């Protein structure tokens, strides 16, 4: 009986500290993103275009941004995994989270090259910039309403279902890393077009970061998440069409 109580207590310890730890990392990501946004605003040249960041600086900012936006939404699946890790039946939580993080970190590379390509046109908030953002928003709307988005979102919204379908070889670090990466891919399937919207508006736009982070959180962890995803798709479509017809409107949105 005592041994069972000890095991129960041990199982609760990681769960007790897991949420504060992940939220603290997310908070650090928000702090770094705010600092980066301030530095980018202070780095405007005489023409109004932002001084381009190096690849290393962009990747640091990207990882901070992903931690800020994604970790609160991924907490349910990590918490479920942590309960198994507390019983020593799977590899440590850090291995699973590392696999998840590796997927989003790798996405920083294509995001950087897209951002560099669009940096000056978007920073100038010209009609061309408005049309580019409009096209991205329309594409995001189409994806929000697509079957692929729905499939990926349902995997993210059901941690237990995800582990029942994909949770093999979790006792091995390589297996846990691979499953974490697989969950990261489903998460990427849910959110990649939202990240495209963020890049289109400027990667360090805190207002858009906050809005999209709240959307991701509501989509993944609330009972109305799937309906909110549809509403967001309709809103993106309306805003995208507005920018295609009146591209100068982008100046008030950036």
C-alpha atoms as a PDB file:
ATOM      1  CA  UNK A   1       0.000   0.000   0.000  1.00  0.00           C
ATOM      2  CA  UNK A   2       2.802   2.408   0.959  1.00  0.00           C
ATOM      3  CA  UNK A   3       4.678   1.558  -2.224  1.00  0.00           C
ATOM      4  CA  UNK A   4       1.570   2.354  -4.274  1.00  0.00           C
ATOM      5  CA  UNK A   5       1.181   5.709  -2.507  1.00  0.00           C
ATOM      6  CA  UNK A   6       4.851   6.515  -3.149  1.00  0.00           C
ATOM      7  CA  UNK A   7       4.407   5.701  -6.830  1.00  0.00           C
ATOM      8  CA  UNK A   8       1.315   7.906  -7.005  1.00  0.00           C
ATOM      9  CA  UNK A   9       3.168  10.776  -5.336  1.00  0.00           C
ATOM     10  CA  UNK A  10       6.098  10.355  -7.711  1.00  0.00           C
ATOM     11  CA  UNK A  11       3.741  10.387 -10.693  1.00  0.00           C
ATOM     12  CA  UNK A  12       2.220  13.670  -9.544  1.00  0.00           C
ATOM     13  CA  UNK A  13       5.503  15.553  -9.145  1.00  0.00           C
ATOM     14  CA  UNK A  14       6.324  15.983 -12.860  1.00  0.00           C
ATOM     15  CA  UNK A  15       2.669  16.815 -13.615  1.00  0.00           C
ATOM     16  CA  UNK A  16       2.731  19.463 -10.875  1.00  0.00           C
ATOM     17  CA  UNK A  17       5.767  21.222 -12.286  1.00  0.00           C
ATOM     18  CA  UNK A  18       5.244  20.551 -15.980  1.00  0.00           C
ATOM     19  CA  UNK A  19       2.669  23.256 -16.695  1.00  0.00           C
ATOM     20  CA  UNK A  20       4.588  26.009 -14.847  1.00  0.00           C
ATOM     21  CA  UNK A  21       7.816  24.979 -16.590  1.00  0.00           C
ATOM     22  CA  UNK A  22       6.328  25.040 -20.092  1.00  0.00           C
ATOM     23  CA  UNK A  23       4.461  28.265 -19.412  1.00  0.00           C
ATOM     24  CA  UNK A  24       7.668  29.809 -18.058  1.00  0.00           C
ATOM     25  CA  UNK A  25       9.468  28.864 -21.288  1.00  0.00           C
ATOM     26  CA  UNK A  26       6.571  30.317 -23.263  1.00  0.00           C
ATOM     27  CA  UNK A  27       6.796  33.487 -21.174  1.00  0.00           C
ATOM     28  CA  UNK A  28      10.502  33.708 -21.929  1.00  0.00           C
ATOM     29  CA  UNK A  29       9.624  33.342 -25.610  1.00  0.00           C
ATOM     30  CA  UNK A  30       7.139  36.219 -25.360  1.00  0.00           C
ATOM     31  CA  UNK A  31       9.743  38.378 -23.614  1.00  0.00           C
ATOM     32  CA  UNK A  32      12.345  37.651 -26.288  1.00  0.00           C
ATOM     33  CA  UNK A  33       9.817  38.309 -29.044  1.00  0.00           C
ATOM     34  CA  UNK A  34       8.917  41.666 -27.487  1.00  0.00           C
ATOM     35  CA  UNK A  35      12.597  42.603 -27.253  1.00  0.00           C
ATOM     36  CA  UNK A  36      13.163  41.537 -30.870  1.00  0.00           C
ATOM     37  CA  UNK A  37      10.149  43.550 -32.028  1.00  0.00           C
ATOM     38  CA  UNK A  38      11.463  46.624 -30.229  1.00  0.00           C
ATOM     39  CA  UNK A  39      14.931  46.175 -31.718  1.00  0.00           C
ATOM     40  CA  UNK A  40      13.481  45.750 -35.211  1.00  0.00           C
ATOM     41  CA  UNK A  41      11.437  48.940 -34.839  1.00  0.00           C
ATOM     42  CA  UNK A  42      14.547  50.815 -33.726  1.00  0.00           C
ATOM     43  CA  UNK A  43      16.458  49.367 -36.712  1.00  0.00           C
ATOM     44  CA  UNK A  44      14.390  51.165 -39.345  1.00  0.00           C
ATOM     45  CA  UNK A  45      16.503  52.932 -41.968  1.00  0.00           C
ATOM     46  CA  UNK A  46      15.689  56.250 -43.630  1.00  0.00           C
ATOM     47  CA  UNK A  47      13.447  54.616 -46.236  1.00  0.00           C
ATOM     48  CA  UNK A  48      11.379  52.872 -43.570  1.00  0.00           C
ATOM     49  CA  UNK A  49      12.496  49.318 -44.407  1.00  0.00           C
ATOM     50  CA  UNK A  50      13.751  47.115 -41.621  1.00  0.00           C
ATOM     51  CA  UNK A  51      17.370  46.112 -41.533  1.00  0.00           C
ATOM     52  CA  UNK A  52      17.443  42.430 -42.416  1.00  0.00           C
ATOM     53  CA  UNK A  53      18.413  39.926 -39.751  1.00  0.00           C
ATOM     54  CA  UNK A  54      21.023  37.251 -40.238  1.00  0.00           C
ATOM     55  CA  UNK A  55      19.945  33.617 -40.452  1.00  0.00           C
ATOM     56  CA  UNK A  56      21.179  32.924 -36.905  1.00  0.00           C
ATOM     57  CA  UNK A  57      19.331  35.934 -35.460  1.00  0.00           C
ATOM     58  CA  UNK A  58      16.148  34.997 -37.323  1.00  0.00           C
ATOM     59  CA  UNK A  59      16.289  31.385 -36.093  1.00  0.00           C
ATOM     60  CA  UNK A  60      16.728  32.519 -32.486  1.00  0.00           C
ATOM     61  CA  UNK A  61      13.728  34.831 -32.876  1.00  0.00           C
ATOM     62  CA  UNK A  62      11.763  32.068 -34.639  1.00  0.00           C
ATOM     63  CA  UNK A  63      12.378  29.507 -31.872  1.00  0.00           C
ATOM     64  CA  UNK A  64      11.397  32.080 -29.239  1.00  0.00           C
ATOM     65  CA  UNK A  65       8.246  32.885 -31.197  1.00  0.00           C
ATOM     66  CA  UNK A  66       7.319  29.220 -31.555  1.00  0.00           C
ATOM     67  CA  UNK A  67       7.864  28.606 -27.845  1.00  0.00           C
ATOM     68  CA  UNK A  68       5.654  31.586 -27.026  1.00  0.00           C
ATOM     69  CA  UNK A  69       2.837  30.594 -29.363  1.00  0.00           C
ATOM     70  CA  UNK A  70       2.876  26.782 -29.333  1.00  0.00           C
ATOM     71  CA  UNK A  71       3.831  25.550 -25.857  1.00  0.00           C
ATOM     72  CA  UNK A  72       0.596  26.562 -24.084  1.00  0.00           C
ATOM     73  CA  UNK A  73      -1.446  24.746 -26.748  1.00  0.00           C
ATOM     74  CA  UNK A  74       0.705  21.593 -26.636  1.00  0.00           C
ATOM     75  CA  UNK A  75       0.511  21.303 -22.845  1.00  0.00           C
ATOM     76  CA  UNK A  76      -2.294  18.655 -22.773  1.00  0.00           C
ATOM     77  CA  UNK A  77      -0.353  16.128 -24.882  1.00  0.00           C
ATOM     78  CA  UNK A  78       2.901  16.757 -23.003  1.00  0.00           C
ATOM     79  CA  UNK A  79       1.124  16.396 -19.670  1.00  0.00           C
ATOM     80  CA  UNK A  80      -0.342  13.051 -20.723  1.00  0.00           C
ATOM     81  CA  UNK A  81       3.087  11.855 -21.819  1.00  0.00           C
ATOM     82  CA  UNK A  82       4.608  13.070 -18.531  1.00  0.00           C
ATOM     83  CA  UNK A  83       2.280  10.847 -16.531  1.00  0.00           C
ATOM     84  CA  UNK A  84       3.645   7.808 -18.334  1.00  0.00           C
ATOM     85  CA  UNK A  85       7.206   9.111 -17.923  1.00  0.00           C
ATOM     86  CA  UNK A  86       6.651   9.438 -14.169  1.00  0.00           C
ATOM     87  CA  UNK A  87       5.980   5.688 -14.073  1.00  0.00           C
ATOM     88  CA  UNK A  88       9.214   5.067 -16.001  1.00  0.00           C
ATOM     89  CA  UNK A  89       7.334   3.343 -18.830  1.00  0.00           C
ATOM     90  CA  UNK A  90       8.497   5.796 -21.511  1.00  0.00           C
ATOM     91  CA  UNK A  91      11.578   7.907 -22.207  1.00  0.00           C
ATOM     92  CA  UNK A  92      11.926  11.257 -20.376  1.00  0.00           C
ATOM     93  CA  UNK A  93       9.571  14.091 -21.256  1.00  0.00           C
ATOM     94  CA  UNK A  94      12.439  16.214 -22.565  1.00  0.00           C
ATOM     95  CA  UNK A  95      13.063  13.703 -25.371  1.00  0.00           C
ATOM     96  CA  UNK A  96       9.458  13.857 -26.558  1.00  0.00           C
ATOM     97  CA  UNK A  97       9.410  17.670 -26.380  1.00  0.00           C
ATOM     98  CA  UNK A  98      12.742  17.809 -28.232  1.00  0.00           C
ATOM     99  CA  UNK A  99      11.231  15.869 -31.134  1.00  0.00           C
ATOM    100  CA  UNK A 100       8.306  18.281 -31.240  1.00  0.00           C
ATOM    101  CA  UNK A 101      10.599  21.290 -31.067  1.00  0.00           C
ATOM    102  CA  UNK A 102      12.895  19.954 -33.791  1.00  0.00           C
ATOM    103  CA  UNK A 103      10.063  20.067 -36.344  1.00  0.00           C
ATOM    104  CA  UNK A 104       9.185  23.681 -35.611  1.00  0.00           C
ATOM    105  CA  UNK A 105      12.839  24.725 -35.409  1.00  0.00           C
ATOM    106  CA  UNK A 106      13.491  23.184 -38.836  1.00  0.00           C
ATOM    107  CA  UNK A 107      10.614  25.217 -40.241  1.00  0.00           C
ATOM    108  CA  UNK A 108      12.610  28.325 -39.400  1.00  0.00           C
ATOM    109  CA  UNK A 109      14.845  27.735 -42.436  1.00  0.00           C
ATOM    110  CA  UNK A 110      12.177  28.036 -45.169  1.00  0.00           C
ATOM    111  CA  UNK A 111      10.483  30.778 -43.130  1.00  0.00           C
ATOM    112  CA  UNK A 112      13.724  32.788 -43.166  1.00  0.00           C
ATOM    113  CA  UNK A 113      14.140  32.643 -46.933  1.00  0.00           C
ATOM    114  CA  UNK A 114      10.492  33.539 -47.514  1.00  0.00           C
ATOM    115  CA  UNK A 115      10.796  36.410 -45.041  1.00  0.00           C
ATOM    116  CA  UNK A 116      13.970  37.694 -46.711  1.00  0.00           C
ATOM    117  CA  UNK A 117      12.242  37.562 -50.072  1.00  0.00           C
ATOM    118  CA  UNK A 118       9.227  39.511 -48.822  1.00  0.00           C
ATOM    119  CA  UNK A 119      10.885  41.717 -46.198  1.00  0.00           C
ATOM    120  CA  UNK A 120      11.276  44.917 -48.200  1.00  0.00           C
ATOM    121  CA  UNK A 121       8.033  44.713 -50.234  1.00  0.00           C
ATOM    122  CA  UNK A 122       6.000  44.070 -47.070  1.00  0.00           C
ATOM    123  CA  UNK A 123       7.843  46.597 -44.915  1.00  0.00           C
ATOM    124  CA  UNK A 124       6.994  49.400 -47.350  1.00  0.00           C
ATOM    125  CA  UNK A 125       3.224  48.742 -46.928  1.00  0.00           C
ATOM    126  CA  UNK A 126       2.647  49.528 -50.606  1.00  0.00           C
ATOM    127  CA  UNK A 127      -0.359  48.267 -52.621  1.00  0.00           C
ATOM    128  CA  UNK A 128       1.871  45.383 -53.718  1.00  0.00           C
ATOM    129  CA  UNK A 129       2.386  44.466 -50.058  1.00  0.00           C
ATOM    130  CA  UNK A 130      -1.370  44.611 -49.511  1.00  0.00           C
ATOM    131  CA  UNK A 131      -2.006  42.246 -52.405  1.00  0.00           C
ATOM    132  CA  UNK A 132       0.656  39.805 -51.161  1.00  0.00           C
ATOM    133  CA  UNK A 133      -0.895  39.729 -47.699  1.00  0.00           C
ATOM    134  CA  UNK A 134      -4.336  39.384 -49.281  1.00  0.00           C
ATOM    135  CA  UNK A 135      -3.262  36.333 -51.260  1.00  0.00           C
ATOM    136  CA  UNK A 136      -1.733  34.768 -48.133  1.00  0.00           C
ATOM    137  CA  UNK A 137      -4.921  35.379 -46.157  1.00  0.00           C
ATOM    138  CA  UNK A 138      -7.115  33.852 -48.877  1.00  0.00           C
ATOM    139  CA  UNK A 139      -4.800  30.814 -49.007  1.00  0.00           C
ATOM    140  CA  UNK A 140      -4.978  30.561 -45.202  1.00  0.00           C
ATOM    141  CA  UNK A 141      -8.774  30.721 -45.391  1.00  0.00           C
ATOM    142  CA  UNK A 142      -8.909  27.887 -47.923  1.00  0.00           C
ATOM    143  CA  UNK A 143      -6.609  25.779 -45.769  1.00  0.00           C
ATOM    144  CA  UNK A 144      -8.577  26.524 -42.574  1.00  0.00           C
ATOM    145  CA  UNK A 145     -11.631  25.017 -44.257  1.00  0.00           C
ATOM    146  CA  UNK A 146      -9.814  22.055 -45.826  1.00  0.00           C
ATOM    147  CA  UNK A 147     -10.128  18.373 -44.806  1.00  0.00           C
ATOM    148  CA  UNK A 148      -6.352  18.213 -44.125  1.00  0.00           C
ATOM    149  CA  UNK A 149      -6.628  20.981 -41.538  1.00  0.00           C
ATOM    150  CA  UNK A 150      -9.512  19.104 -39.902  1.00  0.00           C
ATOM    151  CA  UNK A 151      -7.575  15.816 -39.753  1.00  0.00           C
ATOM    152  CA  UNK A 152      -4.493  17.442 -38.244  1.00  0.00           C
ATOM    153  CA  UNK A 153      -6.536  19.455 -35.762  1.00  0.00           C
ATOM    154  CA  UNK A 154      -8.396  16.379 -34.531  1.00  0.00           C
ATOM    155  CA  UNK A 155      -5.100  14.595 -33.848  1.00  0.00           C
ATOM    156  CA  UNK A 156      -3.915  17.602 -31.848  1.00  0.00           C
ATOM    157  CA  UNK A 157      -7.194  17.874 -29.950  1.00  0.00           C
ATOM    158  CA  UNK A 158      -7.113  14.215 -28.833  1.00  0.00           C
ATOM    159  CA  UNK A 159      -3.812  13.458 -27.031  1.00  0.00           C
ATOM    160  CA  UNK A 160      -4.990  10.010 -25.914  1.00  0.00           C
ATOM    161  CA  UNK A 161      -6.130   9.114 -29.424  1.00  0.00           C
ATOM    162  CA  UNK A 162      -2.787  10.303 -30.806  1.00  0.00           C
ATOM    163  CA  UNK A 163      -0.789   8.080 -28.437  1.00  0.00           C
ATOM    164  CA  UNK A 164      -3.056   5.102 -29.034  1.00  0.00           C
ATOM    165  CA  UNK A 165      -2.435   5.393 -32.766  1.00  0.00           C
ATOM    166  CA  UNK A 166       1.213   6.494 -32.837  1.00  0.00           C
ATOM    167  CA  UNK A 167       2.668   5.760 -29.403  1.00  0.00           C
ATOM    168  CA  UNK A 168       5.053   2.921 -30.301  1.00  0.00           C
ATOM    169  CA  UNK A 169       8.557   2.384 -28.888  1.00  0.00           C
ATOM    170  CA  UNK A 170       8.146   5.258 -26.464  1.00  0.00           C
ATOM    171  CA  UNK A 171      10.419   3.471 -23.998  1.00  0.00           C
ATOM    172  CA  UNK A 172      13.319   4.144 -26.354  1.00  0.00           C
ATOM    173  CA  UNK A 173      14.674   7.704 -26.662  1.00  0.00           C
ATOM    174  CA  UNK A 174      14.725   7.404 -30.458  1.00  0.00           C
ATOM    175  CA  UNK A 175      11.111   6.244 -30.443  1.00  0.00           C
ATOM    176  CA  UNK A 176       9.994   9.022 -28.096  1.00  0.00           C
ATOM    177  CA  UNK A 177      11.816  11.609 -30.200  1.00  0.00           C
ATOM    178  CA  UNK A 178      10.165  10.264 -33.371  1.00  0.00           C
ATOM    179  CA  UNK A 179       6.688  10.334 -31.806  1.00  0.00           C
ATOM    180  CA  UNK A 180       7.307  13.876 -30.555  1.00  0.00           C
ATOM    181  CA  UNK A 181       8.337  14.848 -34.078  1.00  0.00           C
ATOM    182  CA  UNK A 182       5.224  13.180 -35.479  1.00  0.00           C
ATOM    183  CA  UNK A 183       3.046  15.184 -33.136  1.00  0.00           C
ATOM    184  CA  UNK A 184       4.986  18.248 -34.248  1.00  0.00           C
ATOM    185  CA  UNK A 185       4.119  17.415 -37.855  1.00  0.00           C
ATOM    186  CA  UNK A 186       0.411  17.217 -37.031  1.00  0.00           C
ATOM    187  CA  UNK A 187       0.748  20.512 -35.186  1.00  0.00           C
ATOM    188  CA  UNK A 188       2.514  21.936 -38.221  1.00  0.00           C
ATOM    189  CA  UNK A 189      -0.339  20.654 -40.359  1.00  0.00           C
ATOM    190  CA  UNK A 190      -2.741  22.625 -38.157  1.00  0.00           C
ATOM    191  CA  UNK A 191      -0.812  25.858 -38.018  1.00  0.00           C
ATOM    192  CA  UNK A 192       1.581  26.303 -40.955  1.00  0.00           C
ATOM    193  CA  UNK A 193      -0.714  28.689 -42.816  1.00  0.00           C
ATOM    194  CA  UNK A 194      -1.206  30.706 -39.623  1.00  0.00           C
ATOM    195  CA  UNK A 195       2.569  31.068 -39.486  1.00  0.00           C
ATOM    196  CA  UNK A 196       2.503  32.155 -43.127  1.00  0.00           C
ATOM    197  CA  UNK A 197       0.038  34.886 -42.165  1.00  0.00           C
ATOM    198  CA  UNK A 198       2.366  35.949 -39.371  1.00  0.00           C
ATOM    199  CA  UNK A 199       5.361  36.110 -41.721  1.00  0.00           C
ATOM    200  CA  UNK A 200       3.306  38.067 -44.247  1.00  0.00           C
ATOM    201  CA  UNK A 201       2.401  40.694 -41.680  1.00  0.00           C
ATOM    202  CA  UNK A 202       5.958  40.753 -40.303  1.00  0.00           C
ATOM    203  CA  UNK A 203       7.341  38.027 -38.064  1.00  0.00           C
ATOM    204  CA  UNK A 204       7.752  40.340 -35.060  1.00  0.00           C
ATOM    205  CA  UNK A 205       4.290  41.935 -35.140  1.00  0.00           C
ATOM    206  CA  UNK A 206       3.258  41.330 -31.524  1.00  0.00           C
ATOM    207  CA  UNK A 207      -0.421  42.092 -32.067  1.00  0.00           C
ATOM    208  CA  UNK A 208      -0.689  39.420 -34.758  1.00  0.00           C
ATOM    209  CA  UNK A 209       1.409  37.042 -32.637  1.00  0.00           C
ATOM    210  CA  UNK A 210      -0.999  37.412 -29.723  1.00  0.00           C
ATOM    211  CA  UNK A 211      -4.086  37.043 -31.890  1.00  0.00           C
ATOM    212  CA  UNK A 212      -2.834  33.958 -33.723  1.00  0.00           C
ATOM    213  CA  UNK A 213      -1.522  32.389 -30.499  1.00  0.00           C
ATOM    214  CA  UNK A 214      -4.973  32.750 -28.944  1.00  0.00           C
ATOM    215  CA  UNK A 215      -6.539  31.244 -32.064  1.00  0.00           C
ATOM    216  CA  UNK A 216      -4.171  28.247 -31.902  1.00  0.00           C
ATOM    217  CA  UNK A 217      -4.902  27.743 -28.199  1.00  0.00           C
ATOM    218  CA  UNK A 218      -8.687  27.915 -28.663  1.00  0.00           C
ATOM    219  CA  UNK A 219      -8.586  25.601 -31.688  1.00  0.00           C
ATOM    220  CA  UNK A 220      -6.619  22.934 -29.856  1.00  0.00           C
ATOM    221  CA  UNK A 221      -7.827  22.886 -26.278  1.00  0.00           C
ATOM    222  CA  UNK A 222     -11.425  24.155 -26.125  1.00  0.00           C
ATOM    223  CA  UNK A 223     -14.630  22.264 -26.953  1.00  0.00           C
ATOM    224  CA  UNK A 224     -15.464  24.746 -29.719  1.00  0.00           C
ATOM    225  CA  UNK A 225     -12.045  24.552 -31.354  1.00  0.00           C
ATOM    226  CA  UNK A 226     -13.170  23.091 -34.685  1.00  0.00           C
ATOM    227  CA  UNK A 227     -15.966  25.619 -35.060  1.00  0.00           C
ATOM    228  CA  UNK A 228     -13.582  28.468 -34.224  1.00  0.00           C
ATOM    229  CA  UNK A 229     -11.216  27.210 -36.942  1.00  0.00           C
ATOM    230  CA  UNK A 230     -14.048  27.543 -39.470  1.00  0.00           C
ATOM    231  CA  UNK A 231     -14.962  31.032 -38.230  1.00  0.00           C
ATOM    232  CA  UNK A 232     -11.300  32.052 -38.484  1.00  0.00           C
ATOM    233  CA  UNK A 233     -11.214  30.759 -42.057  1.00  0.00           C
ATOM    234  CA  UNK A 234     -14.217  32.882 -43.001  1.00  0.00           C
ATOM    235  CA  UNK A 235     -12.631  35.926 -41.331  1.00  0.00           C
ATOM    236  CA  UNK A 236      -9.348  35.371 -43.187  1.00  0.00           C
ATOM    237  CA  UNK A 237     -11.254  35.119 -46.456  1.00  0.00           C
ATOM    238  CA  UNK A 238     -13.109  38.372 -45.843  1.00  0.00           C
ATOM    239  CA  UNK A 239      -9.950  40.226 -44.830  1.00  0.00           C
ATOM    240  CA  UNK A 240      -7.977  38.766 -47.728  1.00  0.00           C
ATOM    241  CA  UNK A 241     -10.607  39.821 -50.253  1.00  0.00           C
ATOM    242  CA  UNK A 242     -10.657  43.309 -48.724  1.00  0.00           C
ATOM    243  CA  UNK A 243      -6.895  43.612 -49.191  1.00  0.00           C
ATOM    244  CA  UNK A 244      -7.086  42.371 -52.769  1.00  0.00           C
ATOM    245  CA  UNK A 245      -9.704  44.997 -53.580  1.00  0.00           C
ATOM    246  CA  UNK A 246      -8.263  47.779 -51.370  1.00  0.00           C
ATOM    247  CA  UNK A 247      -4.565  46.853 -50.858  1.00  0.00           C
ATOM    248  CA  UNK A 248      -3.713  50.177 -49.171  1.00  0.00           C
ATOM    249  CA  UNK A 249      -5.675  48.910 -46.143  1.00  0.00           C
ATOM    250  CA  UNK A 250      -2.609  46.870 -45.165  1.00  0.00           C
ATOM    251  CA  UNK A 251      -0.996  49.999 -43.705  1.00  0.00           C
ATOM    252  CA  UNK A 252      -3.549  49.957 -40.895  1.00  0.00           C
ATOM    253  CA  UNK A 253      -3.064  46.265 -40.190  1.00  0.00           C
ATOM    254  CA  UNK A 254       0.730  46.052 -39.982  1.00  0.00           C
END
